[in-house]
Amino acid sequence: MVGTIDPTTCKVAVLRGGISGEREVSLASGAAVAEALRTVGFQVTELDPANKEDLMNLIQNDYDVAFLALHGRGGEDGTMQGFLETIGLPYTGSGVCASALAMSKCNSKQMYKAAGLPTLPSVTISKVDGYSIDKIVAELGDHCVIKASKEGSSIGLYIEEGAANIEAAIEKAFEHDDQVLVEKYCKARELTVGVVGNDHPKALPIIEIVPRNEFYDFDAKYSPGGSEHICPAEIEEAITEAIQRTAEAAHKALGCHGYSRTDFLLEEDDSFWILETNTLPGMTATSLLPDAASKVGLNYEQLCTKLIELALTNDGE
């Protein structure tokens, strides 16, 4: 049960950095997590999986749990989760399969559809098989969002109008991944919903993101003043509850564990659509998930502690 772990006897390896394009964001998340856990009393060691010596440290030392403050490829895609499974070390967040599914925008889209969850019309294309830009435009229209399937933090994401521009963006996205998701463009409010729990996950308050740029890109996410966060979002109660239940359903559909954060679009007619689920969302003290948790009385140190407790038990809700 939550609250029964003695932090002073718990050895935590905080994994931060890694090899992805989100390395700097991960370093910031990990530093904040490590500081918070030390404040609570945990025995904390910070390790960078980009260094072989740090991977050997994980194998050779007797840690109780790994706190994954990693983002992107090699950390959020099931790779590190598989390594930790192999050496028998519990870790925060989702397992191998859920991590891999959520990291792939194309595969997670299929899981949402199979679960009957609302998603925008889209086409999945691969570099090997090729594609017809005319067919894409005929199916989705000439205003599209182009996404590299397995990148995070809006890396390899483009919004374009016109067949020629869409095709050029697809080719740029192929520089990041050999699989690309093309979605129909939807002008709408951008929302995100954190979910915490194992067998009985519960949604946190909804956050509305108001980006300075055209959309919530890398700059809007990580530059000072890049976006405004409104929490709880100003949405009528019935729609709020529907979106929260859908976030919980997305968490379950992908098989997530511990916590996740799902992004949505909300149109003027109250239609809403799932964009993607993050299995290792940002964890600085001012990141979206900690911000939402604070609104239900869970401060940053308590949230970090809870995520460890959820990693070590299946009945920690």
C-alpha atoms as a PDB file:
ATOM      1  CA  MET A   1       0.000   0.000   0.000  1.00  0.00           C
ATOM      2  CA  VAL A   2       1.094   3.568  -0.642  1.00  0.00           C
ATOM      3  CA  GLY A   3       2.797   5.152   2.323  1.00  0.00           C
ATOM      4  CA  THR A   4       4.301   1.942   3.741  1.00  0.00           C
ATOM      5  CA  ILE A   5       7.750   2.207   2.131  1.00  0.00           C
ATOM      6  CA  ASP A   6      10.528   3.546   4.341  1.00  0.00           C
ATOM      7  CA  PRO A   7      12.513   5.897   2.065  1.00  0.00           C
ATOM      8  CA  THR A   8      15.620   5.720   4.234  1.00  0.00           C
ATOM      9  CA  THR A   9      16.051   2.015   3.454  1.00  0.00           C
ATOM     10  CA  CYS A  10      15.185   2.264  -0.247  1.00  0.00           C
ATOM     11  CA  LYS A  11      18.039   2.491  -2.764  1.00  0.00           C
ATOM     12  CA  VAL A  12      16.937   4.282  -5.934  1.00  0.00           C
ATOM     13  CA  ALA A  13      18.820   4.513  -9.228  1.00  0.00           C
ATOM     14  CA  VAL A  14      17.565   7.595 -11.083  1.00  0.00           C
ATOM     15  CA  LEU A  15      18.192   7.075 -14.801  1.00  0.00           C
ATOM     16  CA  ARG A  16      18.597  10.335 -16.697  1.00  0.00           C
ATOM     17  CA  GLY A  17      20.163  11.480 -19.952  1.00  0.00           C
ATOM     18  CA  GLY A  18      20.288   8.635 -22.458  1.00  0.00           C
ATOM     19  CA  ILE A  19      20.878   8.783 -26.188  1.00  0.00           C
ATOM     20  CA  SER A  20      17.727  10.329 -27.664  1.00  0.00           C
ATOM     21  CA  GLY A  21      17.099  13.793 -29.068  1.00  0.00           C
ATOM     22  CA  GLU A  22      15.401  14.544 -25.758  1.00  0.00           C
ATOM     23  CA  ARG A  23      18.574  14.005 -23.712  1.00  0.00           C
ATOM     24  CA  GLU A  24      18.706  17.542 -22.282  1.00  0.00           C
ATOM     25  CA  VAL A  25      15.056  17.375 -21.219  1.00  0.00           C
ATOM     26  CA  SER A  26      15.731  14.024 -19.564  1.00  0.00           C
ATOM     27  CA  LEU A  27      18.729  15.407 -17.669  1.00  0.00           C
ATOM     28  CA  ALA A  28      16.504  18.164 -16.275  1.00  0.00           C
ATOM     29  CA  SER A  29      13.763  15.700 -15.308  1.00  0.00           C
ATOM     30  CA  GLY A  30      16.256  13.389 -13.623  1.00  0.00           C
ATOM     31  CA  ALA A  31      17.962  16.140 -11.671  1.00  0.00           C
ATOM     32  CA  ALA A  32      14.619  17.333 -10.300  1.00  0.00           C
ATOM     33  CA  VAL A  33      13.510  13.807  -9.401  1.00  0.00           C
ATOM     34  CA  ALA A  34      16.811  13.000  -7.663  1.00  0.00           C
ATOM     35  CA  GLU A  35      16.639  16.178  -5.586  1.00  0.00           C
ATOM     36  CA  ALA A  36      13.041  15.489  -4.572  1.00  0.00           C
ATOM     37  CA  LEU A  37      13.762  11.889  -3.586  1.00  0.00           C
ATOM     38  CA  ARG A  38      16.793  12.909  -1.526  1.00  0.00           C
ATOM     39  CA  THR A  39      14.637  15.477   0.252  1.00  0.00           C
ATOM     40  CA  VAL A  40      12.227  12.704   1.245  1.00  0.00           C
ATOM     41  CA  GLY A  41      15.111  10.535   2.461  1.00  0.00           C
ATOM     42  CA  PHE A  42      15.678   7.985  -0.319  1.00  0.00           C
ATOM     43  CA  GLN A  43      19.205   6.741  -1.019  1.00  0.00           C
ATOM     44  CA  VAL A  44      19.672   8.079  -4.559  1.00  0.00           C
ATOM     45  CA  THR A  45      22.280   7.363  -7.216  1.00  0.00           C
ATOM     46  CA  GLU A  46      22.062   9.207 -10.548  1.00  0.00           C
ATOM     47  CA  LEU A  47      23.060   7.186 -13.614  1.00  0.00           C
ATOM     48  CA  ASP A  48      23.194   7.939 -17.339  1.00  0.00           C
ATOM     49  CA  PRO A  49      22.374   4.945 -19.589  1.00  0.00           C
ATOM     50  CA  ALA A  50      24.443   6.557 -22.354  1.00  0.00           C
ATOM     51  CA  ASN A  51      27.506   5.440 -20.340  1.00  0.00           C
ATOM     52  CA  LYS A  52      28.359   1.729 -20.320  1.00  0.00           C
ATOM     53  CA  GLU A  53      29.911   2.131 -16.874  1.00  0.00           C
ATOM     54  CA  ASP A  54      26.564   3.303 -15.511  1.00  0.00           C
ATOM     55  CA  LEU A  55      24.807   0.305 -17.058  1.00  0.00           C
ATOM     56  CA  MET A  56      27.348  -1.959 -15.355  1.00  0.00           C
ATOM     57  CA  ASN A  57      26.641  -0.080 -12.108  1.00  0.00           C
ATOM     58  CA  LEU A  58      22.986  -1.109 -12.410  1.00  0.00           C
ATOM     59  CA  ILE A  59      23.972  -4.751 -12.800  1.00  0.00           C
ATOM     60  CA  GLN A  60      26.600  -4.848 -10.085  1.00  0.00           C
ATOM     61  CA  ASN A  61      24.883  -2.892  -7.316  1.00  0.00           C
ATOM     62  CA  ASP A  62      21.913  -3.801  -5.162  1.00  0.00           C
ATOM     63  CA  TYR A  63      19.279  -1.171  -5.978  1.00  0.00           C
ATOM     64  CA  ASP A  64      15.670  -1.585  -4.906  1.00  0.00           C
ATOM     65  CA  VAL A  65      14.130   0.298  -7.820  1.00  0.00           C
ATOM     66  CA  ALA A  66      15.028   2.372 -10.879  1.00  0.00           C
ATOM     67  CA  PHE A  67      13.279   5.696 -11.398  1.00  0.00           C
ATOM     68  CA  LEU A  68      13.105   6.270 -15.161  1.00  0.00           C
ATOM     69  CA  ALA A  69      13.483   9.957 -15.957  1.00  0.00           C
ATOM     70  CA  LEU A  70      14.268   9.107 -19.581  1.00  0.00           C
ATOM     71  CA  HIS A  71      12.491  10.419 -22.677  1.00  0.00           C
ATOM     72  CA  GLY A  72      12.454   9.287 -26.292  1.00  0.00           C
ATOM     73  CA  ARG A  73      14.328   6.483 -28.015  1.00  0.00           C
ATOM     74  CA  GLY A  74      16.313   4.098 -25.883  1.00  0.00           C
ATOM     75  CA  GLY A  75      14.466   5.092 -22.714  1.00  0.00           C
ATOM     76  CA  GLU A  76      10.763   5.413 -23.369  1.00  0.00           C
ATOM     77  CA  ASP A  77      10.387   2.782 -26.094  1.00  0.00           C
ATOM     78  CA  GLY A  78      10.786  -0.420 -24.075  1.00  0.00           C
ATOM     79  CA  THR A  79      14.546  -0.769 -24.614  1.00  0.00           C
ATOM     80  CA  MET A  80      15.609   0.225 -21.110  1.00  0.00           C
ATOM     81  CA  GLN A  81      12.571  -1.510 -19.650  1.00  0.00           C
ATOM     82  CA  GLY A  82      13.714  -4.762 -21.256  1.00  0.00           C
ATOM     83  CA  PHE A  83      17.211  -4.326 -19.839  1.00  0.00           C
ATOM     84  CA  LEU A  84      15.820  -3.776 -16.348  1.00  0.00           C
ATOM     85  CA  GLU A  85      13.521  -6.788 -16.700  1.00  0.00           C
ATOM     86  CA  THR A  86      16.529  -8.886 -17.653  1.00  0.00           C
ATOM     87  CA  ILE A  87      18.511  -7.901 -14.560  1.00  0.00           C
ATOM     88  CA  GLY A  88      15.433  -8.172 -12.328  1.00  0.00           C
ATOM     89  CA  LEU A  89      15.259  -4.540 -11.174  1.00  0.00           C
ATOM     90  CA  PRO A  90      11.803  -2.977 -10.646  1.00  0.00           C
ATOM     91  CA  TYR A  91      11.287   0.373 -12.366  1.00  0.00           C
ATOM     92  CA  THR A  92       8.808   3.222 -12.551  1.00  0.00           C
ATOM     93  CA  GLY A  93       6.342   3.495 -15.394  1.00  0.00           C
ATOM     94  CA  SER A  94       5.101   1.063 -18.005  1.00  0.00           C
ATOM     95  CA  GLY A  95       6.536  -2.258 -19.080  1.00  0.00           C
ATOM     96  CA  VAL A  96       8.213  -3.297 -22.321  1.00  0.00           C
ATOM     97  CA  CYS A  97       5.111  -3.841 -24.446  1.00  0.00           C
ATOM     98  CA  ALA A  98       3.158  -0.762 -23.343  1.00  0.00           C
ATOM     99  CA  SER A  99       6.241   1.430 -23.683  1.00  0.00           C
ATOM    100  CA  ALA A 100       6.900   0.200 -27.227  1.00  0.00           C
ATOM    101  CA  LEU A 101       3.254   0.564 -28.243  1.00  0.00           C
ATOM    102  CA  ALA A 102       2.910   4.092 -26.880  1.00  0.00           C
ATOM    103  CA  MET A 103       6.205   5.212 -28.414  1.00  0.00           C
ATOM    104  CA  SER A 104       4.895   4.302 -31.870  1.00  0.00           C
ATOM    105  CA  LYS A 105       2.243   6.825 -32.907  1.00  0.00           C
ATOM    106  CA  CYS A 106       1.153   4.444 -35.649  1.00  0.00           C
ATOM    107  CA  ASN A 107       0.769   1.393 -33.396  1.00  0.00           C
ATOM    108  CA  SER A 108      -0.872   3.277 -30.531  1.00  0.00           C
ATOM    109  CA  LYS A 109      -3.366   4.741 -33.012  1.00  0.00           C
ATOM    110  CA  GLN A 110      -4.412   1.191 -33.907  1.00  0.00           C
ATOM    111  CA  MET A 111      -4.795   0.284 -30.222  1.00  0.00           C
ATOM    112  CA  TYR A 112      -7.008   3.336 -29.625  1.00  0.00           C
ATOM    113  CA  LYS A 113      -9.182   2.385 -32.589  1.00  0.00           C
ATOM    114  CA  ALA A 114      -9.476  -1.219 -31.400  1.00  0.00           C
ATOM    115  CA  ALA A 115     -10.634   0.056 -27.995  1.00  0.00           C
ATOM    116  CA  GLY A 116     -13.240   2.306 -29.620  1.00  0.00           C
ATOM    117  CA  LEU A 117     -11.512   5.524 -28.567  1.00  0.00           C
ATOM    118  CA  PRO A 118     -11.853   8.704 -30.649  1.00  0.00           C
ATOM    119  CA  THR A 119      -8.960   9.426 -33.010  1.00  0.00           C
ATOM    120  CA  LEU A 120      -8.596  11.669 -36.062  1.00  0.00           C
ATOM    121  CA  PRO A 121      -8.616  10.189 -39.592  1.00  0.00           C
ATOM    122  CA  SER A 122      -5.087   9.178 -40.525  1.00  0.00           C
ATOM    123  CA  VAL A 123      -2.848   7.214 -42.856  1.00  0.00           C
ATOM    124  CA  THR A 124       0.258   5.240 -41.876  1.00  0.00           C
ATOM    125  CA  ILE A 125       3.026   5.107 -44.471  1.00  0.00           C
ATOM    126  CA  SER A 126       6.449   3.474 -44.544  1.00  0.00           C
ATOM    127  CA  LYS A 127       9.646   4.386 -46.331  1.00  0.00           C
ATOM    128  CA  VAL A 128       9.972   0.856 -47.710  1.00  0.00           C
ATOM    129  CA  ASP A 129       6.463   0.595 -49.192  1.00  0.00           C
ATOM    130  CA  GLY A 130       6.207   4.140 -50.511  1.00  0.00           C
ATOM    131  CA  TYR A 131       3.009   6.174 -50.771  1.00  0.00           C
ATOM    132  CA  SER A 132       0.746   8.150 -53.066  1.00  0.00           C
ATOM    133  CA  ILE A 133       0.433  11.793 -52.077  1.00  0.00           C
ATOM    134  CA  ASP A 134      -2.714  12.037 -54.211  1.00  0.00           C
ATOM    135  CA  LYS A 135      -4.380   9.228 -52.249  1.00  0.00           C
ATOM    136  CA  ILE A 136      -3.393  10.812 -48.936  1.00  0.00           C
ATOM    137  CA  VAL A 137      -4.859  14.175 -49.912  1.00  0.00           C
ATOM    138  CA  ALA A 138      -8.004  12.517 -51.291  1.00  0.00           C
ATOM    139  CA  GLU A 139      -8.533  10.713 -47.966  1.00  0.00           C
ATOM    140  CA  LEU A 140      -7.441  13.371 -45.460  1.00  0.00           C
ATOM    141  CA  GLY A 141      -7.695  16.678 -47.284  1.00  0.00           C
ATOM    142  CA  ASP A 142      -4.889  19.088 -48.133  1.00  0.00           C
ATOM    143  CA  HIS A 143      -4.234  20.316 -44.561  1.00  0.00           C
ATOM    144  CA  CYS A 144      -2.416  17.637 -42.572  1.00  0.00           C
ATOM    145  CA  VAL A 145      -0.206  16.943 -39.583  1.00  0.00           C
ATOM    146  CA  ILE A 146       2.816  14.792 -40.397  1.00  0.00           C
ATOM    147  CA  LYS A 147       4.492  12.895 -37.553  1.00  0.00           C
ATOM    148  CA  ALA A 148       7.554  10.665 -37.362  1.00  0.00           C
ATOM    149  CA  SER A 149       6.128   7.604 -35.637  1.00  0.00           C
ATOM    150  CA  LYS A 150       8.668   7.066 -32.870  1.00  0.00           C
ATOM    151  CA  GLU A 151       9.865  10.532 -31.906  1.00  0.00           C
ATOM    152  CA  GLY A 152       8.755  12.545 -28.885  1.00  0.00           C
ATOM    153  CA  SER A 153       8.694  16.226 -27.902  1.00  0.00           C
ATOM    154  CA  SER A 154       7.283  17.120 -31.352  1.00  0.00           C
ATOM    155  CA  ILE A 155      10.545  16.136 -33.059  1.00  0.00           C
ATOM    156  CA  GLY A 156       9.785  15.251 -36.685  1.00  0.00           C
ATOM    157  CA  LEU A 157       6.320  16.854 -36.541  1.00  0.00           C
ATOM    158  CA  TYR A 158       5.030  19.225 -39.228  1.00  0.00           C
ATOM    159  CA  ILE A 159       1.746  20.956 -40.079  1.00  0.00           C
ATOM    160  CA  GLU A 160       1.397  21.632 -43.801  1.00  0.00           C
ATOM    161  CA  GLU A 161      -1.139  22.684 -46.434  1.00  0.00           C
ATOM    162  CA  GLY A 162      -1.073  21.617 -50.059  1.00  0.00           C
ATOM    163  CA  ALA A 163       0.039  18.341 -51.615  1.00  0.00           C
ATOM    164  CA  ALA A 164       3.584  19.515 -52.406  1.00  0.00           C
ATOM    165  CA  ASN A 165       4.208  20.790 -48.869  1.00  0.00           C
ATOM    166  CA  ILE A 166       2.713  17.654 -47.297  1.00  0.00           C
ATOM    167  CA  GLU A 167       4.941  15.465 -49.457  1.00  0.00           C
ATOM    168  CA  ALA A 168       8.022  17.498 -48.541  1.00  0.00           C
ATOM    169  CA  ALA A 169       7.146  17.178 -44.834  1.00  0.00           C
ATOM    170  CA  ILE A 170       6.721  13.413 -45.182  1.00  0.00           C
ATOM    171  CA  GLU A 171      10.218  13.178 -46.633  1.00  0.00           C
ATOM    172  CA  LYS A 172      11.590  15.264 -43.743  1.00  0.00           C
ATOM    173  CA  ALA A 173       9.769  13.025 -41.245  1.00  0.00           C
ATOM    174  CA  PHE A 174      11.367   9.972 -42.904  1.00  0.00           C
ATOM    175  CA  GLU A 175      14.727  11.405 -41.832  1.00  0.00           C
ATOM    176  CA  HIS A 176      13.656  10.675 -38.236  1.00  0.00           C
ATOM    177  CA  ASP A 177      11.818   7.367 -38.723  1.00  0.00           C
ATOM    178  CA  ASP A 178      11.005   4.831 -41.427  1.00  0.00           C
ATOM    179  CA  GLN A 179       7.315   4.989 -40.491  1.00  0.00           C
ATOM    180  CA  VAL A 180       5.217   8.156 -40.600  1.00  0.00           C
ATOM    181  CA  LEU A 181       1.693   8.993 -39.448  1.00  0.00           C
ATOM    182  CA  VAL A 182      -0.263  11.541 -41.485  1.00  0.00           C
ATOM    183  CA  GLU A 183      -3.369  12.919 -39.745  1.00  0.00           C
ATOM    184  CA  LYS A 184      -6.156  15.199 -40.878  1.00  0.00           C
ATOM    185  CA  TYR A 185      -5.527  18.670 -39.456  1.00  0.00           C
ATOM    186  CA  CYS A 186      -7.910  19.804 -36.736  1.00  0.00           C
ATOM    187  CA  LYS A 187      -7.892  23.330 -35.329  1.00  0.00           C
ATOM    188  CA  ALA A 188      -8.845  22.835 -31.697  1.00  0.00           C
ATOM    189  CA  ARG A 189      -7.881  23.432 -28.085  1.00  0.00           C
ATOM    190  CA  GLU A 190      -4.895  21.366 -26.912  1.00  0.00           C
ATOM    191  CA  LEU A 191      -5.361  19.403 -23.704  1.00  0.00           C
ATOM    192  CA  THR A 192      -3.376  16.874 -21.727  1.00  0.00           C
ATOM    193  CA  VAL A 193      -4.487  14.489 -18.995  1.00  0.00           C
ATOM    194  CA  GLY A 194      -2.216  12.723 -16.524  1.00  0.00           C
ATOM    195  CA  VAL A 195      -3.228   9.312 -15.207  1.00  0.00           C
ATOM    196  CA  VAL A 196      -1.774   7.687 -12.084  1.00  0.00           C
ATOM    197  CA  GLY A 197      -2.303   4.113 -10.915  1.00  0.00           C
ATOM    198  CA  ASN A 198      -1.866   0.447 -11.744  1.00  0.00           C
ATOM    199  CA  ASP A 199      -4.995  -1.726 -11.715  1.00  0.00           C
ATOM    200  CA  HIS A 200      -7.311   1.217 -11.025  1.00  0.00           C
ATOM    201  CA  PRO A 201      -5.752   4.250 -12.763  1.00  0.00           C
ATOM    202  CA  LYS A 202      -7.288   7.650 -12.015  1.00  0.00           C
ATOM    203  CA  ALA A 203      -7.124  10.748 -14.190  1.00  0.00           C
ATOM    204  CA  LEU A 204      -5.726  13.998 -12.820  1.00  0.00           C
ATOM    205  CA  PRO A 205      -7.244  17.411 -13.609  1.00  0.00           C
ATOM    206  CA  ILE A 206      -7.129  18.370 -17.285  1.00  0.00           C
ATOM    207  CA  ILE A 207      -4.549  20.929 -18.394  1.00  0.00           C
ATOM    208  CA  GLU A 208      -5.184  23.180 -21.381  1.00  0.00           C
ATOM    209  CA  ILE A 209      -2.039  24.146 -23.252  1.00  0.00           C
ATOM    210  CA  VAL A 210      -2.029  27.499 -25.022  1.00  0.00           C
ATOM    211  CA  PRO A 211       1.166  27.547 -27.137  1.00  0.00           C
ATOM    212  CA  ARG A 212       2.883  30.717 -28.297  1.00  0.00           C
ATOM    213  CA  ASN A 213       3.604  29.070 -31.654  1.00  0.00           C
ATOM    214  CA  GLU A 214       1.141  27.599 -34.142  1.00  0.00           C
ATOM    215  CA  PHE A 215       1.166  24.322 -32.255  1.00  0.00           C
ATOM    216  CA  TYR A 216       2.736  22.752 -29.176  1.00  0.00           C
ATOM    217  CA  ASP A 217       6.181  22.156 -30.693  1.00  0.00           C
ATOM    218  CA  PHE A 218       9.583  21.627 -29.038  1.00  0.00           C
ATOM    219  CA  ASP A 219      10.071  25.357 -28.499  1.00  0.00           C
ATOM    220  CA  ALA A 220       6.608  25.789 -26.972  1.00  0.00           C
ATOM    221  CA  LYS A 221       7.245  22.855 -24.642  1.00  0.00           C
ATOM    222  CA  TYR A 222      10.652  23.785 -23.308  1.00  0.00           C
ATOM    223  CA  SER A 223      11.373  27.484 -23.896  1.00  0.00           C
ATOM    224  CA  PRO A 224      10.500  29.975 -21.128  1.00  0.00           C
ATOM    225  CA  GLY A 225       7.143  31.517 -21.984  1.00  0.00           C
ATOM    226  CA  GLY A 226       6.648  29.052 -24.830  1.00  0.00           C
ATOM    227  CA  SER A 227       3.156  28.178 -23.672  1.00  0.00           C
ATOM    228  CA  GLU A 228       0.550  28.891 -21.018  1.00  0.00           C
ATOM    229  CA  HIS A 229      -0.882  26.055 -18.937  1.00  0.00           C
ATOM    230  CA  ILE A 230      -4.416  26.360 -17.558  1.00  0.00           C
ATOM    231  CA  CYS A 231      -5.201  23.813 -14.843  1.00  0.00           C
ATOM    232  CA  PRO A 232      -7.875  22.792 -14.346  1.00  0.00           C
ATOM    233  CA  ALA A 233      -8.947  23.536 -17.916  1.00  0.00           C
ATOM    234  CA  GLU A 234     -12.089  25.614 -18.261  1.00  0.00           C
ATOM    235  CA  ILE A 235     -14.340  22.929 -19.725  1.00  0.00           C
ATOM    236  CA  GLU A 236     -17.872  22.017 -18.727  1.00  0.00           C
ATOM    237  CA  GLU A 237     -18.103  19.183 -16.224  1.00  0.00           C
ATOM    238  CA  ALA A 238     -19.643  16.539 -18.479  1.00  0.00           C
ATOM    239  CA  ILE A 239     -16.946  16.993 -21.155  1.00  0.00           C
ATOM    240  CA  THR A 240     -14.232  17.076 -18.509  1.00  0.00           C
ATOM    241  CA  GLU A 241     -15.367  13.736 -17.107  1.00  0.00           C
ATOM    242  CA  ALA A 242     -15.648  12.207 -20.582  1.00  0.00           C
ATOM    243  CA  ILE A 243     -12.092  13.225 -21.484  1.00  0.00           C
ATOM    244  CA  GLN A 244     -10.735  11.984 -18.149  1.00  0.00           C
ATOM    245  CA  ARG A 245     -12.446   8.606 -18.577  1.00  0.00           C
ATOM    246  CA  THR A 246     -11.018   8.408 -22.105  1.00  0.00           C
ATOM    247  CA  ALA A 247      -7.505   9.112 -20.772  1.00  0.00           C
ATOM    248  CA  GLU A 248      -7.941   6.258 -18.303  1.00  0.00           C
ATOM    249  CA  ALA A 249      -9.198   4.027 -21.133  1.00  0.00           C
ATOM    250  CA  ALA A 250      -6.161   4.922 -23.273  1.00  0.00           C
ATOM    251  CA  HIS A 251      -3.874   4.068 -20.334  1.00  0.00           C
ATOM    252  CA  LYS A 252      -5.559   0.658 -20.079  1.00  0.00           C
ATOM    253  CA  ALA A 253      -5.745   0.043 -23.840  1.00  0.00           C
ATOM    254  CA  LEU A 254      -1.958   0.339 -24.120  1.00  0.00           C
ATOM    255  CA  GLY A 255      -1.380  -1.647 -20.922  1.00  0.00           C
ATOM    256  CA  CYS A 256       0.307   1.241 -19.111  1.00  0.00           C
ATOM    257  CA  HIS A 257       1.537   0.920 -15.540  1.00  0.00           C
ATOM    258  CA  GLY A 258       2.114   3.503 -12.821  1.00  0.00           C
ATOM    259  CA  TYR A 259       1.441   6.668 -14.761  1.00  0.00           C
ATOM    260  CA  SER A 260       0.943   8.161 -18.200  1.00  0.00           C
ATOM    261  CA  ARG A 261      -0.130  11.410 -19.842  1.00  0.00           C
ATOM    262  CA  THR A 262      -2.445  11.477 -22.855  1.00  0.00           C
ATOM    263  CA  ASP A 263      -2.798  14.461 -25.191  1.00  0.00           C
ATOM    264  CA  PHE A 264      -6.139  15.496 -26.706  1.00  0.00           C
ATOM    265  CA  LEU A 265      -7.704  17.998 -29.074  1.00  0.00           C
ATOM    266  CA  LEU A 266     -11.081  19.538 -28.155  1.00  0.00           C
ATOM    267  CA  GLU A 267     -13.181  21.133 -30.912  1.00  0.00           C
ATOM    268  CA  GLU A 268     -15.752  23.911 -30.513  1.00  0.00           C
ATOM    269  CA  ASP A 269     -18.627  21.411 -30.801  1.00  0.00           C
ATOM    270  CA  ASP A 270     -17.106  19.442 -27.864  1.00  0.00           C
ATOM    271  CA  SER A 271     -15.833  16.626 -30.073  1.00  0.00           C
ATOM    272  CA  PHE A 272     -12.472  15.454 -28.774  1.00  0.00           C
ATOM    273  CA  TRP A 273      -9.686  13.292 -30.152  1.00  0.00           C
ATOM    274  CA  ILE A 274      -6.745  11.388 -28.675  1.00  0.00           C
ATOM    275  CA  LEU A 275      -3.382  12.379 -30.107  1.00  0.00           C
ATOM    276  CA  GLU A 276      -0.896  10.212 -28.198  1.00  0.00           C
ATOM    277  CA  THR A 277       0.033   8.783 -24.805  1.00  0.00           C
ATOM    278  CA  ASN A 278       3.342   9.489 -23.074  1.00  0.00           C
ATOM    279  CA  THR A 279       4.508   6.684 -20.790  1.00  0.00           C
ATOM    280  CA  LEU A 280       7.387   8.710 -19.312  1.00  0.00           C
ATOM    281  CA  PRO A 281       6.147  12.320 -19.351  1.00  0.00           C
ATOM    282  CA  GLY A 282       8.351  15.201 -18.283  1.00  0.00           C
ATOM    283  CA  MET A 283       9.132  15.227 -14.580  1.00  0.00           C
ATOM    284  CA  THR A 284      10.626  18.570 -13.709  1.00  0.00           C
ATOM    285  CA  ALA A 285       8.814  20.289 -10.842  1.00  0.00           C
ATOM    286  CA  THR A 286       7.036  22.545 -13.358  1.00  0.00           C
ATOM    287  CA  SER A 287       6.183  19.833 -15.910  1.00  0.00           C
ATOM    288  CA  LEU A 288       2.593  19.071 -16.863  1.00  0.00           C
ATOM    289  CA  LEU A 289       2.055  15.904 -14.816  1.00  0.00           C
ATOM    290  CA  PRO A 290       3.410  17.343 -11.528  1.00  0.00           C
ATOM    291  CA  ASP A 291       1.391  20.515 -12.161  1.00  0.00           C
ATOM    292  CA  ALA A 292      -1.837  18.514 -12.448  1.00  0.00           C
ATOM    293  CA  ALA A 293      -0.960  16.345  -9.433  1.00  0.00           C
ATOM    294  CA  SER A 294      -0.455  19.446  -7.312  1.00  0.00           C
ATOM    295  CA  LYS A 295      -4.082  20.412  -7.955  1.00  0.00           C
ATOM    296  CA  VAL A 296      -5.253  17.288  -6.111  1.00  0.00           C
ATOM    297  CA  GLY A 297      -2.950  17.849  -3.138  1.00  0.00           C
ATOM    298  CA  LEU A 298      -0.021  15.721  -4.329  1.00  0.00           C
ATOM    299  CA  ASN A 299       3.134  17.821  -4.177  1.00  0.00           C
ATOM    300  CA  TYR A 300       6.220  17.034  -6.237  1.00  0.00           C
ATOM    301  CA  GLU A 301       8.015  14.999  -3.578  1.00  0.00           C
ATOM    302  CA  GLN A 302       4.840  13.029  -2.841  1.00  0.00           C
ATOM    303  CA  LEU A 303       4.287  12.340  -6.535  1.00  0.00           C
ATOM    304  CA  CYS A 304       7.829  11.012  -6.996  1.00  0.00           C
ATOM    305  CA  THR A 305       7.395   8.824  -3.927  1.00  0.00           C
ATOM    306  CA  LYS A 306       4.044   7.511  -5.151  1.00  0.00           C
ATOM    307  CA  LEU A 307       5.526   6.538  -8.505  1.00  0.00           C
ATOM    308  CA  ILE A 308       8.166   4.473  -6.722  1.00  0.00           C
ATOM    309  CA  GLU A 309       5.510   2.832  -4.554  1.00  0.00           C
ATOM    310  CA  LEU A 310       3.468   1.993  -7.650  1.00  0.00           C
ATOM    311  CA  ALA A 311       6.577   0.453  -9.194  1.00  0.00           C
ATOM    312  CA  LEU A 312       7.050  -1.810  -6.188  1.00  0.00           C
ATOM    313  CA  THR A 313       3.447  -2.944  -5.706  1.00  0.00           C
ATOM    314  CA  ASN A 314       0.378  -3.684  -7.784  1.00  0.00           C
ATOM    315  CA  ASP A 315      -2.071  -2.606  -5.094  1.00  0.00           C
ATOM    316  CA  GLY A 316      -0.597   0.827  -4.450  1.00  0.00           C
ATOM    317  CA  GLU A 317      -3.620   2.867  -5.438  1.00  0.00           C
END
